[in-house]
Amino acid sequence: MTTNRACGVLAAVAGSALAGCTAIYQGTAPPVVAVSNPFGAPLVLNRPPGPPPPPPAADLNGAYSGTAFVLDTGGGVCVQNRPVRDFLVHDHRVRWLGFRGRIAPDGELQMVYGTTWVYGQFVGDRFQGQISFMGGRNFEGNCTYIMELRRSPA
């Protein structure tokens, strides 16, 4: 399934005009989402080959919080933005709800719990990524949220 929805929402989240927005779902693998911007760099993973993103902060430890903004409603099932709290990082390991993952040296993170994926990139003291629900018992659609998280002050 390919969708070109909610680019206006992404533009508001990202603070820039977007040239295109494409989400491609391939079986049980994480969705590939490419969002073009005027500079040609995608805003969301999985990203095509190209220059590496800026490095993450040297110390990522802490609690992150922010908002998950609706990108794809899954046919009207997921329609509200969601707060994200207690996204905990310690020694390059992440724990959030039922998710567990390890941060790659370049700051990339991918976690799966059931049929839900969280993936994105640590940039400085922020995490920018996505939550993708791949259907389930309660609905057939695929819901996708864009996450914008910041590390809370100590």
N, C-alpha and C. Protein backbone atom coordinates (compact mmCIF):
# COMPACT_ATOMS: atom_id res chain seq x y z
N MET A 1 0.85 -1.17 0.00
CA MET A 1 0.00 0.00 0.00
C MET A 1 0.88 1.22 0.00
N THR A 2 0.59 2.18 -0.82
CA THR A 2 1.31 3.44 -0.85
C THR A 2 0.34 4.56 -0.54
N THR A 3 0.77 5.48 0.28
CA THR A 3 -0.11 6.59 0.62
C THR A 3 0.65 7.91 0.53
N ASN A 4 -0.03 8.94 0.11
CA ASN A 4 0.54 10.28 0.05
C ASN A 4 -0.36 11.24 0.82
N ARG A 5 -0.64 10.91 2.08
CA ARG A 5 -1.52 11.69 2.93
C ARG A 5 -0.75 12.44 4.00
N ALA A 6 -1.40 13.47 4.51
CA ALA A 6 -0.97 14.18 5.71
C ALA A 6 0.35 14.92 5.56
N CYS A 7 0.74 15.29 4.37
CA CYS A 7 1.98 16.07 4.22
C CYS A 7 1.82 17.45 4.85
N GLY A 8 0.60 17.96 4.86
CA GLY A 8 0.37 19.24 5.53
C GLY A 8 0.64 19.15 7.01
N VAL A 9 0.26 18.03 7.64
CA VAL A 9 0.54 17.82 9.05
C VAL A 9 2.04 17.74 9.29
N LEU A 10 2.73 17.00 8.42
CA LEU A 10 4.18 16.91 8.55
C LEU A 10 4.84 18.26 8.39
N ALA A 11 4.34 19.07 7.46
CA ALA A 11 4.92 20.39 7.27
C ALA A 11 4.78 21.22 8.53
N ALA A 12 3.64 21.12 9.19
CA ALA A 12 3.44 21.86 10.43
C ALA A 12 4.38 21.35 11.52
N VAL A 13 4.57 20.03 11.59
CA VAL A 13 5.45 19.44 12.60
C VAL A 13 6.90 19.80 12.32
N ALA A 14 7.30 19.65 11.05
CA ALA A 14 8.69 19.86 10.69
C ALA A 14 9.04 21.33 10.54
N GLY A 15 8.04 22.18 10.37
CA GLY A 15 8.31 23.60 10.23
C GLY A 15 8.85 23.98 8.86
N SER A 16 8.56 23.18 7.84
CA SER A 16 9.04 23.51 6.49
C SER A 16 8.04 23.00 5.47
N ALA A 17 8.17 23.52 4.26
CA ALA A 17 7.34 23.04 3.17
C ALA A 17 7.88 21.71 2.68
N LEU A 18 7.01 20.78 2.37
CA LEU A 18 7.42 19.46 1.93
C LEU A 18 7.05 19.26 0.47
N ALA A 19 7.97 18.71 -0.29
CA ALA A 19 7.71 18.46 -1.70
C ALA A 19 6.94 17.17 -1.92
N GLY A 20 7.08 16.18 -1.07
CA GLY A 20 6.39 14.92 -1.26
C GLY A 20 6.41 14.08 -0.01
N CYS A 21 5.47 13.14 0.04
CA CYS A 21 5.35 12.28 1.21
C CYS A 21 4.90 10.92 0.72
N THR A 22 5.65 9.87 1.00
CA THR A 22 5.30 8.53 0.55
C THR A 22 5.56 7.53 1.65
N ALA A 23 4.57 6.69 1.94
CA ALA A 23 4.74 5.60 2.91
C ALA A 23 4.46 4.29 2.18
N ILE A 24 5.38 3.35 2.29
CA ILE A 24 5.22 2.06 1.62
C ILE A 24 5.30 0.97 2.67
N TYR A 25 4.25 0.16 2.79
CA TYR A 25 4.19 -0.92 3.76
C TYR A 25 4.49 -2.23 3.04
N GLN A 26 5.44 -3.00 3.56
CA GLN A 26 5.86 -4.24 2.92
C GLN A 26 5.81 -5.36 3.93
N GLY A 27 4.69 -6.06 4.02
CA GLY A 27 4.59 -7.20 4.92
C GLY A 27 4.84 -6.84 6.36
N THR A 28 5.69 -7.61 7.04
CA THR A 28 5.95 -7.37 8.45
C THR A 28 7.19 -6.51 8.69
N ALA A 29 7.86 -6.09 7.62
CA ALA A 29 9.01 -5.20 7.77
C ALA A 29 8.53 -3.81 8.14
N PRO A 30 9.38 -2.99 8.76
CA PRO A 30 8.94 -1.64 9.09
C PRO A 30 8.63 -0.87 7.82
N PRO A 31 7.66 0.02 7.87
CA PRO A 31 7.34 0.80 6.68
C PRO A 31 8.51 1.69 6.29
N VAL A 32 8.64 1.92 5.02
CA VAL A 32 9.64 2.84 4.50
C VAL A 32 8.90 4.14 4.22
N VAL A 33 9.29 5.20 4.87
CA VAL A 33 8.63 6.48 4.69
C VAL A 33 9.65 7.50 4.24
N ALA A 34 9.42 8.09 3.09
CA ALA A 34 10.32 9.11 2.57
C ALA A 34 9.55 10.42 2.48
N VAL A 35 10.05 11.44 3.11
CA VAL A 35 9.43 12.76 3.07
C VAL A 35 10.46 13.72 2.51
N SER A 36 10.22 14.20 1.32
CA SER A 36 11.15 15.13 0.69
C SER A 36 10.94 16.52 1.23
N ASN A 37 12.02 17.26 1.34
CA ASN A 37 11.92 18.67 1.71
C ASN A 37 12.72 19.48 0.71
N PRO A 38 12.70 20.81 0.80
CA PRO A 38 13.40 21.61 -0.20
C PRO A 38 14.89 21.33 -0.31
N PHE A 39 15.48 20.70 0.74
CA PHE A 39 16.91 20.42 0.71
C PHE A 39 17.20 19.01 0.21
N GLY A 40 16.15 18.23 -0.08
CA GLY A 40 16.32 16.91 -0.66
C GLY A 40 16.51 15.80 0.35
N ALA A 41 16.63 16.10 1.63
CA ALA A 41 16.87 15.07 2.64
C ALA A 41 15.54 14.59 3.22
N PRO A 42 15.36 13.28 3.35
CA PRO A 42 14.14 12.79 3.97
C PRO A 42 14.13 13.12 5.46
N LEU A 43 12.94 13.36 5.98
CA LEU A 43 12.80 13.68 7.39
C LEU A 43 12.56 12.45 8.25
N VAL A 44 12.12 11.34 7.64
CA VAL A 44 11.73 10.17 8.39
C VAL A 44 12.44 8.95 7.84
N LEU A 45 12.78 8.00 8.72
CA LEU A 45 13.44 6.77 8.31
C LEU A 45 12.44 5.84 7.66
N ASN A 46 12.83 4.84 7.00
CA ASN A 46 14.15 4.41 6.60
C ASN A 46 14.63 5.29 5.46
N ARG A 47 15.77 5.79 5.56
CA ARG A 47 16.23 6.78 4.60
C ARG A 47 17.09 6.14 3.52
N PRO A 48 17.05 6.71 2.32
CA PRO A 48 17.88 6.20 1.24
C PRO A 48 19.35 6.55 1.49
N PRO A 49 20.26 5.90 0.75
CA PRO A 49 21.68 6.23 0.93
C PRO A 49 21.92 7.71 0.68
N GLY A 50 22.87 8.24 1.39
CA GLY A 50 23.21 9.65 1.25
C GLY A 50 24.07 10.07 2.42
N PRO A 51 24.22 11.37 2.60
CA PRO A 51 25.05 11.84 3.71
C PRO A 51 24.46 11.41 5.05
N PRO A 52 25.29 11.08 6.00
CA PRO A 52 24.78 10.64 7.30
C PRO A 52 24.12 11.80 8.04
N PRO A 53 23.19 11.48 8.95
CA PRO A 53 22.56 12.53 9.74
C PRO A 53 23.56 13.09 10.74
N PRO A 54 23.26 14.24 11.34
CA PRO A 54 24.14 14.77 12.39
C PRO A 54 24.23 13.74 13.52
N PRO A 55 25.36 13.69 14.20
CA PRO A 55 25.52 12.68 15.27
C PRO A 55 24.60 12.98 16.44
N PRO A 56 24.26 11.93 17.19
CA PRO A 56 23.48 12.15 18.40
C PRO A 56 24.36 12.80 19.46
N ALA A 57 23.74 13.28 20.51
CA ALA A 57 24.50 13.84 21.63
C ALA A 57 25.41 12.76 22.20
N ALA A 58 26.53 13.15 22.78
CA ALA A 58 27.47 12.18 23.35
C ALA A 58 26.80 11.38 24.46
N ASP A 59 25.98 12.03 25.26
CA ASP A 59 25.27 11.36 26.34
C ASP A 59 23.78 11.46 26.07
N LEU A 60 23.14 10.35 25.72
CA LEU A 60 21.71 10.33 25.42
C LEU A 60 20.86 9.96 26.62
N ASN A 61 21.49 9.60 27.74
CA ASN A 61 20.75 9.14 28.91
C ASN A 61 19.72 10.16 29.37
N GLY A 62 18.54 9.64 29.75
CA GLY A 62 17.51 10.50 30.30
C GLY A 62 16.13 10.06 29.87
N ALA A 63 15.16 10.84 30.29
CA ALA A 63 13.76 10.60 29.94
C ALA A 63 13.36 11.57 28.84
N TYR A 64 12.75 11.06 27.80
CA TYR A 64 12.30 11.87 26.66
C TYR A 64 10.78 11.92 26.67
N SER A 65 10.25 13.05 26.24
CA SER A 65 8.81 13.19 26.12
C SER A 65 8.49 14.12 24.97
N GLY A 66 7.26 14.08 24.54
CA GLY A 66 6.83 14.92 23.43
C GLY A 66 5.49 14.47 22.92
N THR A 67 5.31 14.55 21.61
CA THR A 67 4.03 14.26 20.99
C THR A 67 4.20 13.36 19.78
N ALA A 68 3.23 12.47 19.60
CA ALA A 68 3.13 11.66 18.38
C ALA A 68 1.99 12.26 17.56
N PHE A 69 2.31 12.79 16.37
CA PHE A 69 1.35 13.45 15.50
C PHE A 69 0.84 12.47 14.45
N VAL A 70 -0.47 12.44 14.23
CA VAL A 70 -1.06 11.51 13.27
C VAL A 70 -0.55 11.81 11.86
N LEU A 71 -0.06 10.77 11.18
CA LEU A 71 0.34 10.86 9.78
C LEU A 71 -0.65 10.11 8.90
N ASP A 72 -1.01 8.89 9.28
CA ASP A 72 -1.96 8.07 8.53
C ASP A 72 -2.98 7.53 9.53
N THR A 73 -4.26 7.82 9.33
CA THR A 73 -5.30 7.49 10.31
C THR A 73 -5.73 6.03 10.30
N GLY A 74 -5.24 5.21 9.39
CA GLY A 74 -5.66 3.82 9.31
C GLY A 74 -7.13 3.69 8.99
N GLY A 75 -7.61 4.54 8.10
CA GLY A 75 -9.02 4.51 7.72
C GLY A 75 -9.92 5.18 8.74
N GLY A 76 -9.37 6.10 9.52
CA GLY A 76 -10.17 6.84 10.49
C GLY A 76 -10.12 6.27 11.90
N VAL A 77 -9.25 5.29 12.15
CA VAL A 77 -9.15 4.68 13.47
C VAL A 77 -8.28 5.52 14.40
N CYS A 78 -7.17 6.00 13.91
CA CYS A 78 -6.22 6.78 14.72
C CYS A 78 -6.33 8.24 14.27
N VAL A 79 -7.05 9.04 15.03
CA VAL A 79 -7.32 10.41 14.58
C VAL A 79 -6.81 11.48 15.53
N GLN A 80 -6.29 11.10 16.68
CA GLN A 80 -5.83 12.10 17.65
C GLN A 80 -4.32 12.00 17.86
N ASN A 81 -3.67 13.16 17.98
CA ASN A 81 -2.27 13.19 18.39
C ASN A 81 -2.18 12.61 19.80
N ARG A 82 -1.05 12.03 20.13
CA ARG A 82 -0.88 11.37 21.42
C ARG A 82 0.35 11.90 22.15
N PRO A 83 0.23 12.13 23.47
CA PRO A 83 1.43 12.47 24.23
C PRO A 83 2.32 11.24 24.39
N VAL A 84 3.61 11.46 24.43
CA VAL A 84 4.59 10.39 24.65
C VAL A 84 5.40 10.78 25.87
N ARG A 85 5.41 9.90 26.86
CA ARG A 85 6.16 10.13 28.10
C ARG A 85 6.96 8.88 28.44
N ASP A 86 7.95 9.06 29.27
CA ASP A 86 8.73 7.94 29.81
C ASP A 86 9.41 7.11 28.72
N PHE A 87 9.90 7.76 27.70
CA PHE A 87 10.74 7.14 26.67
C PHE A 87 12.14 7.21 27.26
N LEU A 88 12.58 6.13 27.89
CA LEU A 88 13.77 6.15 28.74
C LEU A 88 15.00 5.62 28.03
N VAL A 89 16.10 6.36 28.15
CA VAL A 89 17.37 5.96 27.54
C VAL A 89 18.42 5.83 28.63
N HIS A 90 19.12 4.69 28.62
CA HIS A 90 20.23 4.46 29.55
C HIS A 90 21.26 3.58 28.85
N ASP A 91 22.50 4.05 28.77
CA ASP A 91 23.59 3.30 28.13
C ASP A 91 23.23 2.82 26.73
N HIS A 92 22.71 3.70 25.91
CA HIS A 92 22.34 3.43 24.52
C HIS A 92 21.27 2.34 24.38
N ARG A 93 20.48 2.14 25.43
CA ARG A 93 19.34 1.24 25.38
C ARG A 93 18.08 2.06 25.65
N VAL A 94 17.02 1.72 24.94
CA VAL A 94 15.76 2.45 25.08
C VAL A 94 14.69 1.52 25.62
N ARG A 95 13.87 2.06 26.50
CA ARG A 95 12.74 1.35 27.06
C ARG A 95 11.54 2.28 27.03
N TRP A 96 10.46 1.83 26.41
CA TRP A 96 9.22 2.61 26.36
C TRP A 96 8.06 1.66 26.21
N LEU A 97 7.12 1.70 27.15
CA LEU A 97 6.00 0.77 27.18
C LEU A 97 6.55 -0.65 27.04
N GLY A 98 6.07 -1.45 26.08
CA GLY A 98 6.58 -2.80 25.89
C GLY A 98 7.78 -2.88 24.97
N PHE A 99 8.24 -1.75 24.46
CA PHE A 99 9.35 -1.71 23.50
C PHE A 99 10.70 -1.72 24.22
N ARG A 100 11.66 -2.38 23.59
CA ARG A 100 13.05 -2.37 24.05
C ARG A 100 13.92 -2.29 22.81
N GLY A 101 14.98 -1.51 22.88
CA GLY A 101 15.86 -1.40 21.71
C GLY A 101 17.21 -0.84 22.07
N ARG A 102 18.11 -0.93 21.13
CA ARG A 102 19.47 -0.43 21.29
C ARG A 102 19.72 0.63 20.23
N ILE A 103 20.34 1.72 20.64
CA ILE A 103 20.65 2.82 19.74
C ILE A 103 21.93 2.50 18.99
N ALA A 104 21.88 2.58 17.67
CA ALA A 104 23.06 2.33 16.83
C ALA A 104 24.05 3.49 17.01
N PRO A 105 25.33 3.28 16.67
CA PRO A 105 26.33 4.34 16.82
C PRO A 105 25.98 5.63 16.08
N ASP A 106 25.23 5.52 14.96
CA ASP A 106 24.84 6.71 14.22
C ASP A 106 23.59 7.37 14.78
N GLY A 107 23.02 6.82 15.89
CA GLY A 107 21.84 7.40 16.52
C GLY A 107 20.53 6.80 16.06
N GLU A 108 20.57 5.83 15.15
CA GLU A 108 19.33 5.23 14.65
C GLU A 108 18.79 4.22 15.67
N LEU A 109 17.46 4.16 15.74
CA LEU A 109 16.79 3.25 16.65
C LEU A 109 15.64 2.57 15.92
N GLN A 110 15.53 1.25 16.08
CA GLN A 110 14.38 0.48 15.58
C GLN A 110 13.95 -0.47 16.68
N MET A 111 12.65 -0.45 17.01
CA MET A 111 12.11 -1.35 18.02
C MET A 111 10.78 -1.89 17.50
N VAL A 112 10.48 -3.13 17.86
CA VAL A 112 9.21 -3.73 17.48
C VAL A 112 8.59 -4.38 18.70
N TYR A 113 7.27 -4.26 18.80
CA TYR A 113 6.52 -4.91 19.86
C TYR A 113 5.22 -5.38 19.23
N GLY A 114 5.07 -6.68 19.06
CA GLY A 114 3.92 -7.21 18.33
C GLY A 114 3.99 -6.79 16.87
N THR A 115 2.97 -6.11 16.40
CA THR A 115 2.95 -5.61 15.01
C THR A 115 3.17 -4.10 14.95
N THR A 116 3.72 -3.54 16.01
CA THR A 116 3.95 -2.10 16.06
C THR A 116 5.44 -1.81 16.05
N TRP A 117 5.84 -0.90 15.19
CA TRP A 117 7.25 -0.50 15.05
C TRP A 117 7.44 0.92 15.56
N VAL A 118 8.55 1.15 16.23
CA VAL A 118 9.04 2.49 16.55
C VAL A 118 10.42 2.58 15.92
N TYR A 119 10.63 3.58 15.12
CA TYR A 119 11.95 3.75 14.53
C TYR A 119 12.19 5.22 14.26
N GLY A 120 13.47 5.60 14.30
CA GLY A 120 13.81 6.99 14.11
C GLY A 120 15.28 7.24 14.38
N GLN A 121 15.58 8.50 14.67
CA GLN A 121 16.95 8.96 14.76
C GLN A 121 17.10 9.92 15.93
N PHE A 122 18.14 9.70 16.74
CA PHE A 122 18.51 10.68 17.76
C PHE A 122 19.39 11.72 17.09
N VAL A 123 19.03 12.97 17.25
CA VAL A 123 19.79 14.10 16.71
C VAL A 123 19.97 15.07 17.86
N GLY A 124 21.22 15.23 18.30
CA GLY A 124 21.45 16.06 19.48
C GLY A 124 20.74 15.45 20.67
N ASP A 125 19.93 16.24 21.38
CA ASP A 125 19.18 15.72 22.52
C ASP A 125 17.71 15.49 22.18
N ARG A 126 17.43 15.23 20.90
CA ARG A 126 16.06 14.98 20.44
C ARG A 126 15.97 13.60 19.78
N PHE A 127 14.75 13.08 19.75
CA PHE A 127 14.46 11.87 18.99
C PHE A 127 13.36 12.21 18.00
N GLN A 128 13.61 11.96 16.72
CA GLN A 128 12.63 12.17 15.66
C GLN A 128 12.36 10.83 15.02
N GLY A 129 11.12 10.41 15.00
CA GLY A 129 10.83 9.10 14.44
C GLY A 129 9.37 8.86 14.18
N GLN A 130 9.01 7.59 14.15
CA GLN A 130 7.67 7.16 13.79
C GLN A 130 7.21 6.01 14.65
N ILE A 131 5.90 5.92 14.83
CA ILE A 131 5.25 4.75 15.38
C ILE A 131 4.32 4.27 14.29
N SER A 132 4.41 2.99 13.94
CA SER A 132 3.55 2.42 12.90
C SER A 132 2.85 1.18 13.44
N PHE A 133 1.52 1.26 13.51
CA PHE A 133 0.69 0.13 13.92
C PHE A 133 0.25 -0.60 12.66
N MET A 134 0.61 -1.85 12.51
CA MET A 134 0.29 -2.62 11.30
C MET A 134 -0.98 -3.43 11.50
N GLY A 135 -2.10 -2.77 11.68
CA GLY A 135 -3.36 -3.50 11.84
C GLY A 135 -3.39 -4.27 13.15
N GLY A 136 -4.34 -5.15 13.27
CA GLY A 136 -4.44 -5.93 14.48
C GLY A 136 -5.84 -6.47 14.66
N ARG A 137 -6.14 -6.89 15.88
CA ARG A 137 -7.47 -7.46 16.15
C ARG A 137 -8.57 -6.42 16.09
N ASN A 138 -8.26 -5.18 16.43
CA ASN A 138 -9.30 -4.16 16.52
C ASN A 138 -9.58 -3.43 15.21
N PHE A 139 -8.66 -3.49 14.26
CA PHE A 139 -8.87 -2.79 12.99
C PHE A 139 -7.95 -3.36 11.93
N GLU A 140 -8.27 -3.09 10.68
CA GLU A 140 -7.51 -3.63 9.56
C GLU A 140 -6.48 -2.65 9.00
N GLY A 141 -6.63 -1.37 9.28
CA GLY A 141 -5.76 -0.35 8.69
C GLY A 141 -4.40 -0.27 9.33
N ASN A 142 -3.58 0.60 8.79
CA ASN A 142 -2.25 0.88 9.32
C ASN A 142 -2.23 2.32 9.81
N CYS A 143 -1.98 2.52 11.09
CA CYS A 143 -1.89 3.87 11.65
C CYS A 143 -0.42 4.24 11.78
N THR A 144 -0.11 5.48 11.45
CA THR A 144 1.27 5.95 11.56
C THR A 144 1.28 7.31 12.23
N TYR A 145 2.20 7.48 13.16
CA TYR A 145 2.41 8.74 13.87
C TYR A 145 3.86 9.17 13.69
N ILE A 146 4.07 10.48 13.61
CA ILE A 146 5.40 11.07 13.63
C ILE A 146 5.69 11.48 15.06
N MET A 147 6.85 11.07 15.59
CA MET A 147 7.22 11.40 16.96
C MET A 147 8.25 12.52 17.01
N GLU A 148 8.03 13.46 17.88
CA GLU A 148 8.99 14.52 18.16
C GLU A 148 9.21 14.52 19.66
N LEU A 149 10.36 14.03 20.11
CA LEU A 149 10.64 13.93 21.54
C LEU A 149 11.87 14.74 21.90
N ARG A 150 11.86 15.30 23.09
CA ARG A 150 13.02 16.03 23.62
C ARG A 150 13.37 15.44 24.98
N ARG A 151 14.67 15.46 25.26
CA ARG A 151 15.12 14.99 26.57
C ARG A 151 14.70 16.00 27.63
N SER A 152 14.13 15.47 28.70
CA SER A 152 13.70 16.32 29.81
C SER A 152 14.92 16.78 30.59
N PRO A 153 14.88 18.02 31.09
CA PRO A 153 16.01 18.49 31.92
C PRO A 153 16.16 17.61 33.16
N ALA A 154 17.38 17.41 33.58
CA ALA A 154 17.66 16.53 34.73
C ALA A 154 17.16 17.11 36.02
